[in-house]
């Protein structure tokens, strides 16, 4: 991707049921299931956020509302690159 998108997905791990529907809808293949801080529990995550086009297809695919789009693109990129998905409860 040459141009930074105006929006990126923001994953809310605690709301995710791990179905992977969003991963299947990702047209760029940039969204992958990644293990959380709880062994065996996976949620969608952008390991390479620069590949995301910001299309929002993942949010439409998520029936749980675990993904929203954010215009805070720099913060979202930093989160995906520097953090692992974590479920806090």
PDB file of N, CA and C in Angstrom:
ATOM      1  N   UNK A   1       0.844  -1.171   0.000  1.00  0.00           N
ATOM      2  CA  UNK A   1       0.000   0.000   0.000  1.00  0.00           C
ATOM      3  C   UNK A   1       0.893   1.239   0.000  1.00  0.00           C
ATOM      4  N   UNK A   2       0.628   2.128  -0.901  1.00  0.00           N
ATOM      5  CA  UNK A   2       1.436   3.334  -1.021  1.00  0.00           C
ATOM      6  C   UNK A   2       0.939   4.459  -0.129  1.00  0.00           C
ATOM      7  N   UNK A   3      -0.361   4.532   0.056  1.00  0.00           N
ATOM      8  CA  UNK A   3      -0.959   5.639   0.787  1.00  0.00           C
ATOM      9  C   UNK A   3      -1.588   5.126   2.084  1.00  0.00           C
ATOM     10  N   UNK A   4      -1.372   5.870   3.169  1.00  0.00           N
ATOM     11  CA  UNK A   4      -1.959   5.482   4.447  1.00  0.00           C
ATOM     12  C   UNK A   4      -3.473   5.672   4.374  1.00  0.00           C
ATOM     13  N   UNK A   5      -4.247   4.678   4.840  1.00  0.00           N
ATOM     14  CA  UNK A   5      -5.708   4.828   4.802  1.00  0.00           C
ATOM     15  C   UNK A   5      -6.183   5.878   5.799  1.00  0.00           C
ATOM     16  N   UNK A   6      -7.376   6.382   5.597  1.00  0.00           N
ATOM     17  CA  UNK A   6      -7.929   7.379   6.512  1.00  0.00           C
ATOM     18  C   UNK A   6      -8.484   6.731   7.778  1.00  0.00           C
ATOM     19  N   UNK A   7      -8.736   5.413   7.719  1.00  0.00           N
ATOM     20  CA  UNK A   7      -9.239   4.675   8.879  1.00  0.00           C
ATOM     21  C   UNK A   7      -8.603   3.291   8.914  1.00  0.00           C
ATOM     22  N   UNK A   8      -8.512   2.745  10.116  1.00  0.00           N
ATOM     23  CA  UNK A   8      -8.037   1.375  10.315  1.00  0.00           C
ATOM     24  C   UNK A   8      -8.986   0.673  11.281  1.00  0.00           C
ATOM     25  N   UNK A   9      -9.023  -0.653  11.229  1.00  0.00           N
ATOM     26  CA  UNK A   9      -9.839  -1.386  12.196  1.00  0.00           C
ATOM     27  C   UNK A   9      -9.281  -1.218  13.611  1.00  0.00           C
ATOM     28  N   UNK A  10     -10.165  -1.238  14.579  1.00  0.00           N
ATOM     29  CA  UNK A  10      -9.778  -1.256  15.984  1.00  0.00           C
ATOM     30  C   UNK A  10     -10.475  -2.478  16.578  1.00  0.00           C
ATOM     31  N   UNK A  11      -9.683  -3.468  16.953  1.00  0.00           N
ATOM     32  CA  UNK A  11     -10.215  -4.730  17.471  1.00  0.00           C
ATOM     33  C   UNK A  11     -10.427  -4.619  18.978  1.00  0.00           C
ATOM     34  N   UNK A  12     -11.590  -5.072  19.428  1.00  0.00           N
ATOM     35  CA  UNK A  12     -11.926  -5.112  20.850  1.00  0.00           C
ATOM     36  C   UNK A  12     -11.942  -6.592  21.249  1.00  0.00           C
ATOM     37  N   UNK A  13     -10.787  -7.125  21.672  1.00  0.00           N
ATOM     38  CA  UNK A  13     -10.655  -8.569  21.887  1.00  0.00           C
ATOM     39  C   UNK A  13     -11.703  -9.197  22.802  1.00  0.00           C
ATOM     40  N   UNK A  14     -12.106  -8.503  23.849  1.00  0.00           N
ATOM     41  CA  UNK A  14     -13.059  -9.084  24.792  1.00  0.00           C
ATOM     42  C   UNK A  14     -14.433  -9.327  24.148  1.00  0.00           C
ATOM     43  N   UNK A  15     -14.748  -8.609  23.086  1.00  0.00           N
ATOM     44  CA  UNK A  15     -16.034  -8.780  22.401  1.00  0.00           C
ATOM     45  C   UNK A  15     -16.007  -9.850  21.315  1.00  0.00           C
ATOM     46  N   UNK A  16     -14.828 -10.328  20.966  1.00  0.00           N
ATOM     47  CA  UNK A  16     -14.666 -11.262  19.851  1.00  0.00           C
ATOM     48  C   UNK A  16     -14.955 -12.692  20.278  1.00  0.00           C
ATOM     49  N   UNK A  17     -15.716 -13.409  19.438  1.00  0.00           N
ATOM     50  CA  UNK A  17     -15.978 -14.817  19.721  1.00  0.00           C
ATOM     51  C   UNK A  17     -15.037 -15.742  18.948  1.00  0.00           C
ATOM     52  N   UNK A  18     -14.130 -15.159  18.159  1.00  0.00           N
ATOM     53  CA  UNK A  18     -13.109 -15.952  17.471  1.00  0.00           C
ATOM     54  C   UNK A  18     -13.580 -16.720  16.254  1.00  0.00           C
ATOM     55  N   UNK A  19     -14.650 -16.283  15.620  1.00  0.00           N
ATOM     56  CA  UNK A  19     -15.199 -17.033  14.477  1.00  0.00           C
ATOM     57  C   UNK A  19     -14.346 -16.905  13.214  1.00  0.00           C
ATOM     58  N   UNK A  20     -13.606 -15.802  13.080  1.00  0.00           N
ATOM     59  CA  UNK A  20     -12.760 -15.595  11.918  1.00  0.00           C
ATOM     60  C   UNK A  20     -13.482 -15.077  10.688  1.00  0.00           C
ATOM     61  N   UNK A  21     -14.754 -14.734  10.823  1.00  0.00           N
ATOM     62  CA  UNK A  21     -15.502 -14.205   9.684  1.00  0.00           C
ATOM     63  C   UNK A  21     -14.871 -12.960   9.097  1.00  0.00           C
ATOM     64  N   UNK A  22     -14.354 -12.112   9.950  1.00  0.00           N
ATOM     65  CA  UNK A  22     -13.713 -10.875   9.501  1.00  0.00           C
ATOM     66  C   UNK A  22     -12.464 -11.164   8.671  1.00  0.00           C
ATOM     67  N   UNK A  23     -11.721 -12.199   9.061  1.00  0.00           N
ATOM     68  CA  UNK A  23     -10.507 -12.584   8.340  1.00  0.00           C
ATOM     69  C   UNK A  23     -10.874 -13.026   6.923  1.00  0.00           C
ATOM     70  N   UNK A  24     -11.967 -13.770   6.804  1.00  0.00           N
ATOM     71  CA  UNK A  24     -12.420 -14.235   5.491  1.00  0.00           C
ATOM     72  C   UNK A  24     -12.893 -13.093   4.602  1.00  0.00           C
ATOM     73  N   UNK A  25     -13.397 -12.017   5.192  1.00  0.00           N
ATOM     74  CA  UNK A  25     -13.885 -10.865   4.425  1.00  0.00           C
ATOM     75  C   UNK A  25     -12.787  -9.872   4.059  1.00  0.00           C
ATOM     76  N   UNK A  26     -11.619 -10.008   4.657  1.00  0.00           N
ATOM     77  CA  UNK A  26     -10.522  -9.069   4.405  1.00  0.00           C
ATOM     78  C   UNK A  26     -10.000  -9.260   2.981  1.00  0.00           C
ATOM     79  N   UNK A  27     -10.193  -8.246   2.148  1.00  0.00           N
ATOM     80  CA  UNK A  27      -9.816  -8.366   0.739  1.00  0.00           C
ATOM     81  C   UNK A  27      -8.306  -8.350   0.517  1.00  0.00           C
ATOM     82  N   UNK A  28      -7.547  -7.825   1.481  1.00  0.00           N
ATOM     83  CA  UNK A  28      -6.093  -7.764   1.342  1.00  0.00           C
ATOM     84  C   UNK A  28      -5.377  -8.896   2.053  1.00  0.00           C
ATOM     85  N   UNK A  29      -6.105  -9.665   2.839  1.00  0.00           N
ATOM     86  CA  UNK A  29      -5.492 -10.731   3.608  1.00  0.00           C
ATOM     87  C   UNK A  29      -4.608 -10.202   4.727  1.00  0.00           C
ATOM     88  N   UNK A  30      -4.849  -8.964   5.139  1.00  0.00           N
ATOM     89  CA  UNK A  30      -3.992  -8.364   6.167  1.00  0.00           C
ATOM     90  C   UNK A  30      -4.455  -8.690   7.580  1.00  0.00           C
ATOM     91  N   UNK A  31      -5.690  -9.118   7.741  1.00  0.00           N
ATOM     92  CA  UNK A  31      -6.220  -9.465   9.051  1.00  0.00           C
ATOM     93  C   UNK A  31      -6.017 -10.957   9.285  1.00  0.00           C
ATOM     94  N   UNK A  32      -5.381 -11.296  10.388  1.00  0.00           N
ATOM     95  CA  UNK A  32      -5.086 -12.699  10.719  1.00  0.00           C
ATOM     96  C   UNK A  32      -5.542 -12.976  12.145  1.00  0.00           C
ATOM     97  N   UNK A  33      -5.821 -14.232  12.432  1.00  0.00           N
ATOM     98  CA  UNK A  33      -6.160 -14.620  13.797  1.00  0.00           C
ATOM     99  C   UNK A  33      -4.858 -14.778  14.580  1.00  0.00           C
ATOM    100  N   UNK A  34      -4.812 -14.157  15.751  1.00  0.00           N
ATOM    101  CA  UNK A  34      -3.599 -14.181  16.573  1.00  0.00           C
ATOM    102  C   UNK A  34      -3.978 -14.544  18.008  1.00  0.00           C
ATOM    103  N   UNK A  35      -3.121 -15.327  18.643  1.00  0.00           N
ATOM    104  CA  UNK A  35      -3.405 -15.764  20.014  1.00  0.00           C
ATOM    105  C   UNK A  35      -3.318 -14.594  20.986  1.00  0.00           C
ATOM    106  N   UNK A  36      -4.249 -14.557  21.920  1.00  0.00           N
ATOM    107  CA  UNK A  36      -4.289 -13.507  22.943  1.00  0.00           C
ATOM    108  C   UNK A  36      -3.432 -13.918  24.142  1.00  0.00           C
ATOM    109  N   UNK A  37      -3.545 -13.149  25.208  1.00  0.00           N
ATOM    110  CA  UNK A  37      -2.854 -13.486  26.448  1.00  0.00           C
ATOM    111  C   UNK A  37      -3.446 -14.729  27.116  1.00  0.00           C
ATOM    112  N   UNK A  38      -4.581 -15.199  26.614  1.00  0.00           N
ATOM    113  CA  UNK A  38      -5.199 -16.432  27.111  1.00  0.00           C
ATOM    114  C   UNK A  38      -4.894 -17.547  26.112  1.00  0.00           C
ATOM    115  N   UNK A  39      -4.159 -18.546  26.563  1.00  0.00           N
ATOM    116  CA  UNK A  39      -3.728 -19.635  25.688  1.00  0.00           C
ATOM    117  C   UNK A  39      -4.924 -20.281  24.990  1.00  0.00           C
ATOM    118  N   UNK A  40      -4.804 -20.426  23.674  1.00  0.00           N
ATOM    119  CA  UNK A  40      -5.843 -21.061  22.869  1.00  0.00           C
ATOM    120  C   UNK A  40      -6.968 -20.149  22.425  1.00  0.00           C
ATOM    121  N   UNK A  41      -6.941 -18.885  22.840  1.00  0.00           N
ATOM    122  CA  UNK A  41      -7.980 -17.922  22.451  1.00  0.00           C
ATOM    123  C   UNK A  41      -7.382 -16.964  21.429  1.00  0.00           C
ATOM    124  N   UNK A  42      -7.979 -16.961  20.236  1.00  0.00           N
ATOM    125  CA  UNK A  42      -7.477 -16.164  19.124  1.00  0.00           C
ATOM    126  C   UNK A  42      -8.486 -15.088  18.736  1.00  0.00           C
ATOM    127  N   UNK A  43      -7.964 -13.934  18.327  1.00  0.00           N
ATOM    128  CA  UNK A  43      -8.791 -12.832  17.825  1.00  0.00           C
ATOM    129  C   UNK A  43      -8.119 -12.254  16.576  1.00  0.00           C
ATOM    130  N   UNK A  44      -8.840 -11.498  15.766  1.00  0.00           N
ATOM    131  CA  UNK A  44      -8.231 -10.896  14.582  1.00  0.00           C
ATOM    132  C   UNK A  44      -7.234  -9.808  14.959  1.00  0.00           C
ATOM    133  N   UNK A  45      -6.158  -9.722  14.180  1.00  0.00           N
ATOM    134  CA  UNK A  45      -5.114  -8.735  14.472  1.00  0.00           C
ATOM    135  C   UNK A  45      -4.388  -8.418  13.177  1.00  0.00           C
ATOM    136  N   UNK A  46      -3.952  -7.190  13.026  1.00  0.00           N
ATOM    137  CA  UNK A  46      -3.182  -6.772  11.859  1.00  0.00           C
ATOM    138  C   UNK A  46      -1.696  -6.846  12.186  1.00  0.00           C
ATOM    139  N   UNK A  47      -1.040  -7.927  11.779  1.00  0.00           N
ATOM    140  CA  UNK A  47       0.403  -8.024  11.991  1.00  0.00           C
ATOM    141  C   UNK A  47       1.146  -7.065  11.073  1.00  0.00           C
ATOM    142  N   UNK A  48       0.538  -6.765   9.932  1.00  0.00           N
ATOM    143  CA  UNK A  48       1.119  -5.827   8.970  1.00  0.00           C
ATOM    144  C   UNK A  48       0.062  -4.772   8.632  1.00  0.00           C
ATOM    145  N   UNK A  49      -0.172  -3.834   9.555  1.00  0.00           N
ATOM    146  CA  UNK A  49      -1.243  -2.862   9.346  1.00  0.00           C
ATOM    147  C   UNK A  49      -1.061  -2.003   8.102  1.00  0.00           C
ATOM    148  N   UNK A  50       0.178  -1.870   7.629  1.00  0.00           N
ATOM    149  CA  UNK A  50       0.422  -1.077   6.430  1.00  0.00           C
ATOM    150  C   UNK A  50      -0.214  -1.698   5.180  1.00  0.00           C
ATOM    151  N   UNK A  51      -0.592  -2.972   5.241  1.00  0.00           N
ATOM    152  CA  UNK A  51      -1.254  -3.635   4.116  1.00  0.00           C
ATOM    153  C   UNK A  51      -2.763  -3.389   4.101  1.00  0.00           C
ATOM    154  N   UNK A  52      -3.286  -2.869   5.198  1.00  0.00           N
ATOM    155  CA  UNK A  52      -4.733  -2.642   5.304  1.00  0.00           C
ATOM    156  C   UNK A  52      -5.126  -1.424   4.482  1.00  0.00           C
ATOM    157  N   UNK A  53      -6.202  -1.570   3.704  1.00  0.00           N
ATOM    158  CA  UNK A  53      -6.685  -0.460   2.879  1.00  0.00           C
ATOM    159  C   UNK A  53      -7.696   0.415   3.613  1.00  0.00           C
ATOM    160  N   UNK A  54      -8.158  -0.052   4.772  1.00  0.00           N
ATOM    161  CA  UNK A  54      -9.140   0.720   5.529  1.00  0.00           C
ATOM    162  C   UNK A  54     -10.542   0.636   4.958  1.00  0.00           C
ATOM    163  N   UNK A  55     -10.842  -0.431   4.237  1.00  0.00           N
ATOM    164  CA  UNK A  55     -12.132  -0.556   3.555  1.00  0.00           C
ATOM    165  C   UNK A  55     -13.314  -0.779   4.504  1.00  0.00           C
ATOM    166  N   UNK A  56     -13.052  -1.375   5.681  1.00  0.00           N
ATOM    167  CA  UNK A  56     -14.117  -1.593   6.653  1.00  0.00           C
ATOM    168  C   UNK A  56     -14.910  -2.866   6.469  1.00  0.00           C
ATOM    169  N   UNK A  57     -14.514  -3.704   5.525  1.00  0.00           N
ATOM    170  CA  UNK A  57     -15.244  -4.963   5.306  1.00  0.00           C
ATOM    171  C   UNK A  57     -15.257  -5.835   6.556  1.00  0.00           C
ATOM    172  N   UNK A  58     -14.171  -5.789   7.321  1.00  0.00           N
ATOM    173  CA  UNK A  58     -14.081  -6.601   8.542  1.00  0.00           C
ATOM    174  C   UNK A  58     -15.150  -6.200   9.550  1.00  0.00           C
ATOM    175  N   UNK A  59     -15.438  -4.914   9.643  1.00  0.00           N
ATOM    176  CA  UNK A  59     -16.451  -4.456  10.605  1.00  0.00           C
ATOM    177  C   UNK A  59     -17.836  -4.932  10.201  1.00  0.00           C
ATOM    178  N   UNK A  60     -18.088  -4.962   8.914  1.00  0.00           N
ATOM    179  CA  UNK A  60     -19.384  -5.429   8.426  1.00  0.00           C
ATOM    180  C   UNK A  60     -19.557  -6.920   8.655  1.00  0.00           C
ATOM    181  N   UNK A  61     -18.455  -7.661   8.629  1.00  0.00           N
ATOM    182  CA  UNK A  61     -18.503  -9.110   8.801  1.00  0.00           C
ATOM    183  C   UNK A  61     -18.660  -9.518  10.264  1.00  0.00           C
ATOM    184  N   UNK A  62     -18.314  -8.634  11.191  1.00  0.00           N
ATOM    185  CA  UNK A  62     -18.316  -8.987  12.610  1.00  0.00           C
ATOM    186  C   UNK A  62     -19.700  -8.820  13.219  1.00  0.00           C
ATOM    187  N   UNK A  63     -20.328  -9.946  13.541  1.00  0.00           N
ATOM    188  CA  UNK A  63     -21.669  -9.907  14.132  1.00  0.00           C
ATOM    189  C   UNK A  63     -21.630  -9.560  15.618  1.00  0.00           C
ATOM    190  N   UNK A  64     -20.443  -9.614  16.214  1.00  0.00           N
ATOM    191  CA  UNK A  64     -20.296  -9.334  17.643  1.00  0.00           C
ATOM    192  C   UNK A  64     -19.960  -7.870  17.931  1.00  0.00           C
ATOM    193  N   UNK A  65     -19.661  -7.094  16.899  1.00  0.00           N
ATOM    194  CA  UNK A  65     -19.279  -5.702  17.107  1.00  0.00           C
ATOM    195  C   UNK A  65     -17.899  -5.568  17.721  1.00  0.00           C
ATOM    196  N   UNK A  66     -17.034  -6.549  17.469  1.00  0.00           N
ATOM    197  CA  UNK A  66     -15.695  -6.560  18.065  1.00  0.00           C
ATOM    198  C   UNK A  66     -14.684  -5.756  17.255  1.00  0.00           C
ATOM    199  N   UNK A  67     -15.104  -5.238  16.100  1.00  0.00           N
ATOM    200  CA  UNK A  67     -14.208  -4.419  15.282  1.00  0.00           C
ATOM    201  C   UNK A  67     -14.940  -3.146  14.886  1.00  0.00           C
ATOM    202  N   UNK A  68     -14.306  -2.026  15.143  1.00  0.00           N
ATOM    203  CA  UNK A  68     -14.816  -0.743  14.679  1.00  0.00           C
ATOM    204  C   UNK A  68     -13.709  -0.101  13.848  1.00  0.00           C
ATOM    205  N   UNK A  69     -14.038   0.925  13.140  1.00  0.00           N
ATOM    206  CA  UNK A  69     -13.028   1.653  12.372  1.00  0.00           C
ATOM    207  C   UNK A  69     -12.671   2.915  13.148  1.00  0.00           C
ATOM    208  N   UNK A  70     -11.373   3.216  13.178  1.00  0.00           N
ATOM    209  CA  UNK A  70     -10.904   4.408  13.867  1.00  0.00           C
ATOM    210  C   UNK A  70     -10.150   5.315  12.900  1.00  0.00           C
ATOM    211  N   UNK A  71     -10.294   6.597  13.090  1.00  0.00           N
ATOM    212  CA  UNK A  71      -9.537   7.553  12.280  1.00  0.00           C
ATOM    213  C   UNK A  71      -8.187   7.867  12.933  1.00  0.00           C
ATOM    214  N   UNK A  72      -7.936   7.298  14.098  1.00  0.00           N
ATOM    215  CA  UNK A  72      -6.636   7.440  14.768  1.00  0.00           C
ATOM    216  C   UNK A  72      -5.680   6.385  14.210  1.00  0.00           C
ATOM    217  N   UNK A  73      -5.338   6.555  12.948  1.00  0.00           N
ATOM    218  CA  UNK A  73      -4.570   5.563  12.192  1.00  0.00           C
ATOM    219  C   UNK A  73      -3.184   5.328  12.778  1.00  0.00           C
ATOM    220  N   UNK A  74      -2.474   6.378  13.127  1.00  0.00           N
ATOM    221  CA  UNK A  74      -1.125   6.213  13.677  1.00  0.00           C
ATOM    222  C   UNK A  74      -1.146   5.423  14.987  1.00  0.00           C
ATOM    223  N   UNK A  75      -2.102   5.719  15.858  1.00  0.00           N
ATOM    224  CA  UNK A  75      -2.216   5.002  17.119  1.00  0.00           C
ATOM    225  C   UNK A  75      -2.586   3.535  16.885  1.00  0.00           C
ATOM    226  N   UNK A  76      -3.480   3.295  15.936  1.00  0.00           N
ATOM    227  CA  UNK A  76      -3.876   1.918  15.635  1.00  0.00           C
ATOM    228  C   UNK A  76      -2.699   1.129  15.071  1.00  0.00           C
ATOM    229  N   UNK A  77      -1.938   1.741  14.168  1.00  0.00           N
ATOM    230  CA  UNK A  77      -0.761   1.053  13.609  1.00  0.00           C
ATOM    231  C   UNK A  77       0.233   0.706  14.711  1.00  0.00           C
ATOM    232  N   UNK A  78       0.469   1.661  15.591  1.00  0.00           N
ATOM    233  CA  UNK A  78       1.405   1.435  16.699  1.00  0.00           C
ATOM    234  C   UNK A  78       0.910   0.296  17.589  1.00  0.00           C
ATOM    235  N   UNK A  79      -0.375   0.291  17.886  1.00  0.00           N
ATOM    236  CA  UNK A  79      -0.957  -0.772  18.727  1.00  0.00           C
ATOM    237  C   UNK A  79      -0.760  -2.142  18.087  1.00  0.00           C
ATOM    238  N   UNK A  80      -1.101  -2.259  16.805  1.00  0.00           N
ATOM    239  CA  UNK A  80      -0.975  -3.553  16.129  1.00  0.00           C
ATOM    240  C   UNK A  80       0.474  -4.022  16.047  1.00  0.00           C
ATOM    241  N   UNK A  81       1.403  -3.095  15.840  1.00  0.00           N
ATOM    242  CA  UNK A  81       2.807  -3.469  15.684  1.00  0.00           C
ATOM    243  C   UNK A  81       3.513  -3.749  17.017  1.00  0.00           C
ATOM    244  N   UNK A  82       3.108  -3.053  18.066  1.00  0.00           N
ATOM    245  CA  UNK A  82       3.851  -3.134  19.319  1.00  0.00           C
ATOM    246  C   UNK A  82       3.171  -3.947  20.417  1.00  0.00           C
ATOM    247  N   UNK A  83       1.915  -4.285  20.235  1.00  0.00           N
ATOM    248  CA  UNK A  83       1.189  -5.000  21.286  1.00  0.00           C
ATOM    249  C   UNK A  83       0.642  -6.315  20.757  1.00  0.00           C
ATOM    250  N   UNK A  84       0.396  -7.213  21.671  1.00  0.00           N
ATOM    251  CA  UNK A  84      -0.324  -8.445  21.360  1.00  0.00           C
ATOM    252  C   UNK A  84      -1.765  -8.243  21.804  1.00  0.00           C
ATOM    253  N   UNK A  85      -2.684  -8.945  21.153  1.00  0.00           N
ATOM    254  CA  UNK A  85      -4.068  -8.803  21.609  1.00  0.00           C
ATOM    255  C   UNK A  85      -4.216  -9.327  23.045  1.00  0.00           C
ATOM    256  N   UNK A  86      -4.921  -8.571  23.842  1.00  0.00           N
ATOM    257  CA  UNK A  86      -5.066  -8.923  25.249  1.00  0.00           C
ATOM    258  C   UNK A  86      -6.537  -8.855  25.657  1.00  0.00           C
ATOM    259  N   UNK A  87      -6.974  -9.881  26.357  1.00  0.00           N
ATOM    260  CA  UNK A  87      -8.318  -9.895  26.889  1.00  0.00           C
ATOM    261  C   UNK A  87      -8.230  -9.581  28.370  1.00  0.00           C
ATOM    262  N   UNK A  88      -8.855  -8.497  28.725  1.00  0.00           N
ATOM    263  CA  UNK A  88      -8.884  -8.079  30.133  1.00  0.00           C
ATOM    264  C   UNK A  88     -10.304  -8.276  30.635  1.00  0.00           C
ATOM    265  N   UNK A  89     -10.412  -8.735  31.824  1.00  0.00           N
ATOM    266  CA  UNK A  89     -11.764  -8.978  32.282  1.00  0.00           C
ATOM    267  C   UNK A  89     -11.934  -8.679  33.693  1.00  0.00           C
TER     268      UNK A  89
END
